C-alpha atoms as a PDB file:
ATOM      1  CA  UNK A   1     -35.608 -19.702  13.902  1.00  0.00           C
ATOM      2  CA  UNK A   2     -35.120 -15.968  14.418  1.00  0.00           C
ATOM      3  CA  UNK A   3     -31.454 -16.513  15.274  1.00  0.00           C
ATOM      4  CA  UNK A   4     -30.804 -17.644  11.678  1.00  0.00           C
ATOM      5  CA  UNK A   5     -32.580 -14.716  10.009  1.00  0.00           C
ATOM      6  CA  UNK A   6     -30.400 -12.490   7.842  1.00  0.00           C
ATOM      7  CA  UNK A   7     -31.467  -8.924   8.528  1.00  0.00           C
ATOM      8  CA  UNK A   8     -30.260  -5.704   6.843  1.00  0.00           C
ATOM      9  CA  UNK A   9     -28.526  -3.292   9.212  1.00  0.00           C
ATOM     10  CA  UNK A  10     -27.578  -0.537   6.773  1.00  0.00           C
ATOM     11  CA  UNK A  11     -28.919   0.192   3.298  1.00  0.00           C
ATOM     12  CA  UNK A  12     -32.027  -1.957   3.249  1.00  0.00           C
ATOM     13  CA  UNK A  13     -32.954  -0.349  -0.078  1.00  0.00           C
ATOM     14  CA  UNK A  14     -29.510  -0.670  -1.689  1.00  0.00           C
ATOM     15  CA  UNK A  15     -29.744  -2.520  -4.992  1.00  0.00           C
ATOM     16  CA  UNK A  16     -27.138  -3.478  -7.548  1.00  0.00           C
ATOM     17  CA  UNK A  17     -28.262  -4.970 -10.871  1.00  0.00           C
ATOM     18  CA  UNK A  18     -31.536  -5.984  -9.270  1.00  0.00           C
ATOM     19  CA  UNK A  19     -29.943  -7.597  -6.199  1.00  0.00           C
ATOM     20  CA  UNK A  20     -30.162  -6.223  -2.691  1.00  0.00           C
ATOM     21  CA  UNK A  21     -26.645  -5.474  -1.352  1.00  0.00           C
ATOM     22  CA  UNK A  22     -27.523  -4.181   2.107  1.00  0.00           C
ATOM     23  CA  UNK A  23     -25.009  -4.585   4.932  1.00  0.00           C
ATOM     24  CA  UNK A  24     -26.553  -7.399   6.976  1.00  0.00           C
ATOM     25  CA  UNK A  25     -25.986  -8.960  10.386  1.00  0.00           C
ATOM     26  CA  UNK A  26     -24.292 -11.844   8.574  1.00  0.00           C
ATOM     27  CA  UNK A  27     -21.842  -9.439   6.930  1.00  0.00           C
ATOM     28  CA  UNK A  28     -21.243  -7.734  10.285  1.00  0.00           C
ATOM     29  CA  UNK A  29     -20.244 -10.968  11.988  1.00  0.00           C
ATOM     30  CA  UNK A  30     -18.058 -11.937   9.034  1.00  0.00           C
ATOM     31  CA  UNK A  31     -16.300  -8.599   9.475  1.00  0.00           C
ATOM     32  CA  UNK A  32     -15.987  -9.151  13.215  1.00  0.00           C
ATOM     33  CA  UNK A  33     -14.526 -12.618  12.627  1.00  0.00           C
ATOM     34  CA  UNK A  34     -12.009 -11.125  10.209  1.00  0.00           C
ATOM     35  CA  UNK A  35     -11.051  -8.348  12.638  1.00  0.00           C
ATOM     36  CA  UNK A  36     -10.742 -10.750  15.587  1.00  0.00           C
ATOM     37  CA  UNK A  37      -8.612 -13.121  13.516  1.00  0.00           C
ATOM     38  CA  UNK A  38      -6.403 -10.267  12.316  1.00  0.00           C
ATOM     39  CA  UNK A  39      -5.853  -9.002  15.876  1.00  0.00           C
ATOM     40  CA  UNK A  40      -5.091 -12.531  17.039  1.00  0.00           C
ATOM     41  CA  UNK A  41      -2.505 -13.104  14.311  1.00  0.00           C
ATOM     42  CA  UNK A  42      -0.838  -9.670  14.476  1.00  0.00           C
ATOM     43  CA  UNK A  43      -0.633  -9.806  18.261  1.00  0.00           C
ATOM     44  CA  UNK A  44       1.041 -13.198  18.155  1.00  0.00           C
ATOM     45  CA  UNK A  45       3.676 -12.411  15.524  1.00  0.00           C
ATOM     46  CA  UNK A  46       6.182 -10.635  17.768  1.00  0.00           C
ATOM     47  CA  UNK A  47       8.938 -13.248  17.103  1.00  0.00           C
ATOM     48  CA  UNK A  48      10.299 -13.096  20.636  1.00  0.00           C
ATOM     49  CA  UNK A  49      13.114 -15.457  21.613  1.00  0.00           C
ATOM     50  CA  UNK A  50      11.054 -16.483  24.638  1.00  0.00           C
ATOM     51  CA  UNK A  51       7.510 -16.526  23.286  1.00  0.00           C
ATOM     52  CA  UNK A  52       4.641 -15.398  25.444  1.00  0.00           C
ATOM     53  CA  UNK A  53       1.276 -17.125  25.665  1.00  0.00           C
ATOM     54  CA  UNK A  54      -0.178 -15.175  22.753  1.00  0.00           C
ATOM     55  CA  UNK A  55       2.746 -15.976  20.468  1.00  0.00           C
ATOM     56  CA  UNK A  56       2.661 -19.606  21.607  1.00  0.00           C
ATOM     57  CA  UNK A  57      -1.043 -19.816  20.717  1.00  0.00           C
ATOM     58  CA  UNK A  58      -0.424 -18.506  17.192  1.00  0.00           C
ATOM     59  CA  UNK A  59       2.593 -20.770  16.696  1.00  0.00           C
ATOM     60  CA  UNK A  60       0.583 -23.760  17.943  1.00  0.00           C
ATOM     61  CA  UNK A  61      -2.164 -23.172  15.379  1.00  0.00           C
ATOM     62  CA  UNK A  62       0.267 -22.546  12.510  1.00  0.00           C
ATOM     63  CA  UNK A  63       2.305 -25.612  13.447  1.00  0.00           C
ATOM     64  CA  UNK A  64      -0.856 -27.700  13.682  1.00  0.00           C
ATOM     65  CA  UNK A  65      -2.025 -26.757  10.188  1.00  0.00           C
ATOM     66  CA  UNK A  66       1.494 -27.101   8.780  1.00  0.00           C
ATOM     67  CA  UNK A  67       1.664 -30.667  10.135  1.00  0.00           C
ATOM     68  CA  UNK A  68      -1.830 -31.388   8.792  1.00  0.00           C
ATOM     69  CA  UNK A  69      -0.984 -30.232   5.264  1.00  0.00           C
ATOM     70  CA  UNK A  70       2.409 -31.965   5.274  1.00  0.00           C
ATOM     71  CA  UNK A  71       0.867 -35.246   6.432  1.00  0.00           C
ATOM     72  CA  UNK A  72      -1.816 -35.204   3.734  1.00  0.00           C
ATOM     73  CA  UNK A  73      -0.059 -33.583   0.763  1.00  0.00           C
ATOM     74  CA  UNK A  74       3.633 -33.990   1.538  1.00  0.00           C
ATOM     75  CA  UNK A  75       6.422 -31.455   1.805  1.00  0.00           C
ATOM     76  CA  UNK A  76       5.443 -30.098  -1.605  1.00  0.00           C
ATOM     77  CA  UNK A  77       2.175 -28.959  -0.078  1.00  0.00           C
ATOM     78  CA  UNK A  78       3.791 -26.162   1.933  1.00  0.00           C
ATOM     79  CA  UNK A  79       2.471 -23.662  -0.599  1.00  0.00           C
ATOM     80  CA  UNK A  80      -1.087 -24.540   0.411  1.00  0.00           C
ATOM     81  CA  UNK A  81      -0.523 -23.911   4.132  1.00  0.00           C
ATOM     82  CA  UNK A  82      -1.560 -20.208   4.012  1.00  0.00           C
ATOM     83  CA  UNK A  83      -4.889 -21.030   2.362  1.00  0.00           C
ATOM     84  CA  UNK A  84      -5.731 -24.027   4.561  1.00  0.00           C
ATOM     85  CA  UNK A  85      -4.657 -22.108   7.662  1.00  0.00           C
ATOM     86  CA  UNK A  86      -6.800 -19.084   6.723  1.00  0.00           C
ATOM     87  CA  UNK A  87      -9.751 -21.371   6.015  1.00  0.00           C
ATOM     88  CA  UNK A  88      -9.386 -23.216   9.323  1.00  0.00           C
ATOM     89  CA  UNK A  89      -8.959 -20.099  11.462  1.00  0.00           C
ATOM     90  CA  UNK A  90     -11.771 -18.150   9.780  1.00  0.00           C
ATOM     91  CA  UNK A  91     -14.245 -21.000  10.295  1.00  0.00           C
ATOM     92  CA  UNK A  92     -13.047 -21.521  13.880  1.00  0.00           C
ATOM     93  CA  UNK A  93     -13.461 -17.850  14.800  1.00  0.00           C
ATOM     94  CA  UNK A  94     -16.834 -17.704  13.029  1.00  0.00           C
ATOM     95  CA  UNK A  95     -18.118 -20.710  14.963  1.00  0.00           C
ATOM     96  CA  UNK A  96     -16.848 -19.451  18.328  1.00  0.00           C
ATOM     97  CA  UNK A  97     -18.161 -15.896  17.870  1.00  0.00           C
ATOM     98  CA  UNK A  98     -21.579 -17.336  17.096  1.00  0.00           C
ATOM     99  CA  UNK A  99     -21.604 -18.927  20.575  1.00  0.00           C
ATOM    100  CA  UNK A 100     -21.160 -15.617  22.395  1.00  0.00           C
ATOM    101  CA  UNK A 101     -23.925 -15.083  24.984  1.00  0.00           C
ATOM    102  CA  UNK A 102     -24.123 -11.330  24.281  1.00  0.00           C
ATOM    103  CA  UNK A 103     -24.219  -9.476  21.007  1.00  0.00           C
ATOM    104  CA  UNK A 104     -22.370  -6.425  19.708  1.00  0.00           C
ATOM    105  CA  UNK A 105     -23.888  -2.918  19.393  1.00  0.00           C
ATOM    106  CA  UNK A 106     -27.355  -4.327  19.948  1.00  0.00           C
ATOM    107  CA  UNK A 107     -27.043  -7.106  17.342  1.00  0.00           C
ATOM    108  CA  UNK A 108     -27.471 -10.649  18.641  1.00  0.00           C
ATOM    109  CA  UNK A 109     -24.661 -13.156  17.931  1.00  0.00           C
ATOM    110  CA  UNK A 110     -24.965 -14.629  14.468  1.00  0.00           C
ATOM    111  CA  UNK A 111     -23.303 -17.843  13.297  1.00  0.00           C
ATOM    112  CA  UNK A 112     -22.946 -17.227   9.584  1.00  0.00           C
ATOM    113  CA  UNK A 113     -21.507 -20.728   9.092  1.00  0.00           C
ATOM    114  CA  UNK A 114     -25.021 -21.988   9.847  1.00  0.00           C
ATOM    115  CA  UNK A 115     -26.047 -20.727   6.394  1.00  0.00           C
ATOM    116  CA  UNK A 116     -25.449 -22.995   3.426  1.00  0.00           C
ATOM    117  CA  UNK A 117     -24.783 -20.002   1.179  1.00  0.00           C
ATOM    118  CA  UNK A 118     -21.684 -19.145   3.247  1.00  0.00           C
ATOM    119  CA  UNK A 119     -20.333 -22.664   3.675  1.00  0.00           C
ATOM    120  CA  UNK A 120     -21.109 -23.288   0.013  1.00  0.00           C
ATOM    121  CA  UNK A 121     -18.909 -20.389  -1.090  1.00  0.00           C
ATOM    122  CA  UNK A 122     -16.055 -21.654   1.093  1.00  0.00           C
ATOM    123  CA  UNK A 123     -16.465 -25.136  -0.383  1.00  0.00           C
ATOM    124  CA  UNK A 124     -16.572 -23.829  -3.959  1.00  0.00           C
ATOM    125  CA  UNK A 125     -13.370 -21.863  -3.333  1.00  0.00           C
ATOM    126  CA  UNK A 126     -11.620 -25.042  -2.187  1.00  0.00           C
ATOM    127  CA  UNK A 127     -13.083 -27.019  -5.079  1.00  0.00           C
ATOM    128  CA  UNK A 128     -11.903 -24.370  -7.553  1.00  0.00           C
ATOM    129  CA  UNK A 129      -8.359 -24.686  -6.196  1.00  0.00           C
ATOM    130  CA  UNK A 130      -8.537 -28.466  -6.590  1.00  0.00           C
ATOM    131  CA  UNK A 131      -9.623 -28.124 -10.236  1.00  0.00           C
ATOM    132  CA  UNK A 132      -7.002 -25.452 -10.958  1.00  0.00           C
ATOM    133  CA  UNK A 133      -4.214 -27.546  -9.442  1.00  0.00           C
ATOM    134  CA  UNK A 134      -5.372 -30.711 -11.161  1.00  0.00           C
ATOM    135  CA  UNK A 135      -5.574 -29.273 -14.669  1.00  0.00           C
ATOM    136  CA  UNK A 136      -2.443 -27.118 -14.208  1.00  0.00           C
ATOM    137  CA  UNK A 137      -0.273 -30.068 -13.197  1.00  0.00           C
ATOM    138  CA  UNK A 138      -1.821 -32.879 -15.218  1.00  0.00           C
ATOM    139  CA  UNK A 139      -3.834 -31.336 -18.023  1.00  0.00           C
ATOM    140  CA  UNK A 140      -6.481 -33.666 -19.425  1.00  0.00           C
ATOM    141  CA  UNK A 141      -4.761 -36.533 -17.616  1.00  0.00           C
ATOM    142  CA  UNK A 142      -6.556 -35.178 -14.542  1.00  0.00           C
ATOM    143  CA  UNK A 143      -9.625 -37.098 -15.717  1.00  0.00           C
ATOM    144  CA  UNK A 144      -7.760 -40.316 -14.874  1.00  0.00           C
ATOM    145  CA  UNK A 145      -8.727 -39.502 -11.267  1.00  0.00           C
ATOM    146  CA  UNK A 146     -12.115 -41.005 -12.077  1.00  0.00           C
ATOM    147  CA  UNK A 147     -10.652 -44.339 -13.211  1.00  0.00           C
ATOM    148  CA  UNK A 148      -8.514 -46.134 -10.597  1.00  0.00           C
ATOM    149  CA  UNK A 149      -5.241 -47.518 -11.916  1.00  0.00           C
ATOM    150  CA  UNK A 150      -5.500 -51.051 -13.271  1.00  0.00           C
ATOM    151  CA  UNK A 151      -9.272 -50.994 -13.678  1.00  0.00           C
ATOM    152  CA  UNK A 152     -10.456 -53.242 -16.549  1.00  0.00           C
ATOM    153  CA  UNK A 153     -12.118 -51.398 -19.413  1.00  0.00           C
ATOM    154  CA  UNK A 154     -15.498 -53.012 -18.781  1.00  0.00           C
ATOM    155  CA  UNK A 155     -15.443 -51.917 -15.146  1.00  0.00           C
ATOM    156  CA  UNK A 156     -14.085 -48.476 -16.055  1.00  0.00           C
ATOM    157  CA  UNK A 157     -17.226 -47.757 -18.087  1.00  0.00           C
ATOM    158  CA  UNK A 158     -19.261 -48.292 -14.912  1.00  0.00           C
ATOM    159  CA  UNK A 159     -16.864 -46.841 -12.337  1.00  0.00           C
ATOM    160  CA  UNK A 160     -15.937 -43.622 -14.181  1.00  0.00           C
ATOM    161  CA  UNK A 161     -19.447 -42.051 -14.083  1.00  0.00           C
ATOM    162  CA  UNK A 162     -19.834 -43.029 -10.428  1.00  0.00           C
ATOM    163  CA  UNK A 163     -16.470 -41.508  -9.512  1.00  0.00           C
ATOM    164  CA  UNK A 164     -17.258 -38.389 -11.524  1.00  0.00           C
ATOM    165  CA  UNK A 165     -20.591 -37.860  -9.762  1.00  0.00           C
ATOM    166  CA  UNK A 166     -18.915 -38.518  -6.412  1.00  0.00           C
ATOM    167  CA  UNK A 167     -16.282 -35.903  -7.264  1.00  0.00           C
ATOM    168  CA  UNK A 168     -18.927 -33.315  -8.150  1.00  0.00           C
ATOM    169  CA  UNK A 169     -20.669 -33.913  -4.820  1.00  0.00           C
ATOM    170  CA  UNK A 170     -17.516 -33.133  -2.836  1.00  0.00           C
ATOM    171  CA  UNK A 171     -18.138 -29.390  -2.464  1.00  0.00           C
ATOM    172  CA  UNK A 172     -21.791 -30.048  -1.624  1.00  0.00           C
ATOM    173  CA  UNK A 173     -20.941 -32.534   1.147  1.00  0.00           C
ATOM    174  CA  UNK A 174     -18.134 -30.287   2.399  1.00  0.00           C
ATOM    175  CA  UNK A 175     -20.494 -27.327   2.756  1.00  0.00           C
ATOM    176  CA  UNK A 176     -23.424 -29.370   4.058  1.00  0.00           C
ATOM    177  CA  UNK A 177     -21.431 -30.959   6.886  1.00  0.00           C
ATOM    178  CA  UNK A 178     -20.434 -27.620   8.427  1.00  0.00           C
ATOM    179  CA  UNK A 179     -23.832 -26.023   7.829  1.00  0.00           C
ATOM    180  CA  UNK A 180     -25.799 -28.877   9.428  1.00  0.00           C
ATOM    181  CA  UNK A 181     -23.495 -29.243  12.433  1.00  0.00           C
ATOM    182  CA  UNK A 182     -23.668 -25.570  13.370  1.00  0.00           C
ATOM    183  CA  UNK A 183     -27.372 -25.140  12.693  1.00  0.00           C
ATOM    184  CA  UNK A 184     -28.383 -28.290  14.596  1.00  0.00           C
ATOM    185  CA  UNK A 185     -26.427 -27.269  17.681  1.00  0.00           C
ATOM    186  CA  UNK A 186     -28.003 -23.828  17.836  1.00  0.00           C
ATOM    187  CA  UNK A 187     -31.505 -25.197  17.286  1.00  0.00           C
ATOM    188  CA  UNK A 188     -30.970 -27.649  20.163  1.00  0.00           C
ATOM    189  CA  UNK A 189     -29.859 -24.843  22.462  1.00  0.00           C
ATOM    190  CA  UNK A 190     -32.914 -22.809  21.457  1.00  0.00           C
ATOM    191  CA  UNK A 191     -35.247 -25.722  22.256  1.00  0.00           C
ATOM    192  CA  UNK A 192     -33.630 -26.338  25.646  1.00  0.00           C
ATOM    193  CA  UNK A 193     -33.785 -22.647  26.539  1.00  0.00           C
ATOM    194  CA  UNK A 194     -37.514 -22.652  25.778  1.00  0.00           C
ATOM    195  CA  UNK A 195     -37.897 -25.610  28.173  1.00  0.00           C
ATOM    196  CA  UNK A 196     -36.119 -23.628  30.913  1.00  0.00           C
ATOM    197  CA  UNK A 197     -38.327 -20.559  30.441  1.00  0.00           C
ATOM    198  CA  UNK A 198     -41.562 -22.526  30.082  1.00  0.00           C
ATOM    199  CA  UNK A 199     -40.742 -24.733  33.075  1.00  0.00           C
ATOM    200  CA  UNK A 200     -40.200 -21.845  35.492  1.00  0.00           C
ATOM    201  CA  UNK A 201     -43.150 -19.928  34.029  1.00  0.00           C
ATOM    202  CA  UNK A 202     -45.422 -22.867  34.811  1.00  0.00           C
ATOM    203  CA  UNK A 203     -44.458 -22.850  38.489  1.00  0.00           C
ATOM    204  CA  UNK A 204     -41.717 -23.947  40.906  1.00  0.00           C
ATOM    205  CA  UNK A 205     -42.630 -27.619  40.522  1.00  0.00           C
ATOM    206  CA  UNK A 206     -42.173 -27.631  36.747  1.00  0.00           C
ATOM    207  CA  UNK A 207     -39.121 -25.430  37.193  1.00  0.00           C
ATOM    208  CA  UNK A 208     -37.429 -28.070  39.325  1.00  0.00           C
ATOM    209  CA  UNK A 209     -38.546 -31.022  37.182  1.00  0.00           C
ATOM    210  CA  UNK A 210     -38.037 -29.432  33.746  1.00  0.00           C
ATOM    211  CA  UNK A 211     -36.206 -26.124  34.068  1.00  0.00           C
ATOM    212  CA  UNK A 212     -33.165 -27.212  36.078  1.00  0.00           C
ATOM    213  CA  UNK A 213     -32.389 -30.397  34.068  1.00  0.00           C
ATOM    214  CA  UNK A 214     -32.807 -28.438  30.835  1.00  0.00           C
ATOM    215  CA  UNK A 215     -30.471 -25.723  32.087  1.00  0.00           C
ATOM    216  CA  UNK A 216     -27.823 -28.264  33.109  1.00  0.00           C
ATOM    217  CA  UNK A 217     -28.142 -29.911  29.709  1.00  0.00           C
ATOM    218  CA  UNK A 218     -27.822 -26.496  28.043  1.00  0.00           C
ATOM    219  CA  UNK A 219     -24.511 -25.889  29.805  1.00  0.00           C
ATOM    220  CA  UNK A 220     -23.279 -29.302  28.673  1.00  0.00           C
ATOM    221  CA  UNK A 221     -24.424 -28.665  25.099  1.00  0.00           C
ATOM    222  CA  UNK A 222     -22.663 -25.276  25.102  1.00  0.00           C
ATOM    223  CA  UNK A 223     -19.421 -26.989  26.089  1.00  0.00           C
ATOM    224  CA  UNK A 224     -20.007 -29.574  23.367  1.00  0.00           C
ATOM    225  CA  UNK A 225     -20.680 -26.811  20.833  1.00  0.00           C
ATOM    226  CA  UNK A 226     -17.287 -25.259  21.587  1.00  0.00           C
ATOM    227  CA  UNK A 227     -15.701 -28.627  20.855  1.00  0.00           C
ATOM    228  CA  UNK A 228     -17.798 -29.063  17.708  1.00  0.00           C
ATOM    229  CA  UNK A 229     -16.736 -25.595  16.507  1.00  0.00           C
ATOM    230  CA  UNK A 230     -13.106 -26.698  16.531  1.00  0.00           C
ATOM    231  CA  UNK A 231     -13.833 -30.136  15.096  1.00  0.00           C
ATOM    232  CA  UNK A 232     -15.826 -28.763  12.166  1.00  0.00           C
ATOM    233  CA  UNK A 233     -13.082 -26.248  11.318  1.00  0.00           C
ATOM    234  CA  UNK A 234     -10.569 -29.094  11.464  1.00  0.00           C
ATOM    235  CA  UNK A 235     -12.681 -31.404   9.296  1.00  0.00           C
ATOM    236  CA  UNK A 236     -13.157 -28.676   6.674  1.00  0.00           C
ATOM    237  CA  UNK A 237      -9.399 -28.027   6.559  1.00  0.00           C
ATOM    238  CA  UNK A 238      -8.601 -31.744   6.560  1.00  0.00           C
ATOM    239  CA  UNK A 239     -10.920 -32.602   3.673  1.00  0.00           C
ATOM    240  CA  UNK A 240      -9.682 -29.587   1.712  1.00  0.00           C
ATOM    241  CA  UNK A 241      -6.087 -30.792   2.064  1.00  0.00           C
ATOM    242  CA  UNK A 242      -7.105 -34.334   1.076  1.00  0.00           C
ATOM    243  CA  UNK A 243      -8.888 -33.089  -2.027  1.00  0.00           C
ATOM    244  CA  UNK A 244      -5.857 -30.990  -2.985  1.00  0.00           C
ATOM    245  CA  UNK A 245      -3.692 -34.071  -2.498  1.00  0.00           C
ATOM    246  CA  UNK A 246      -5.872 -35.980  -4.977  1.00  0.00           C
ATOM    247  CA  UNK A 247      -5.253 -33.227  -7.525  1.00  0.00           C
ATOM    248  CA  UNK A 248      -1.518 -33.081  -6.774  1.00  0.00           C
ATOM    249  CA  UNK A 249      -0.872 -36.815  -6.862  1.00  0.00           C
ATOM    250  CA  UNK A 250      -3.041 -38.792  -9.235  1.00  0.00           C
ATOM    251  CA  UNK A 251      -3.202 -42.476  -8.343  1.00  0.00           C
END
């Protein structure tokens, strides 16, 4: 589990109000994800009449998220496109950078989205926007979200607490889904890599029977992890837009 260990790189003894605020490998890879995303966006915003591949890539992603938000919230949801787009791209770059075979300046690749503390903060940010939008647009009427329209009073007494608890679990499930998916994939790759090393260390026979199949499976899992990285970023953005839609349009 060493690949998931948060280690201080600079200022191991830095403390603020009793909390250690050292610059860690997790913070480094967050910074690298931000820099890579910034370079990607700036490089693709040339606004050429005949767009190049880089500009086409940026326009494809922005158009994809714009269509996603419009489909789930409506044309009035255009104002949420920058946030959902930033969320999607940051998670996507974070997941892909964590799959790099080689590290940076001697620091091994670190998938910070495999930590619940990180995905939890992203989920809480989205949940805070949902609450802000809901109370801003509907006031106390926002609580009607927990009682479906036309529900008899007797049933409402039972359904309302269930819906309320379900609503409170949304940020938890949103964060847990991304955290589990990324952590499980990396653990599986670690296990398979140990099979490859142990198989060849035990001799050519075990290397052929165990090492080669494990290596082939590792390559397949790596390809699957790239796909999962995109899917998990998409699911996070999709659910965020759906939750915002619930706050925008009470049913």
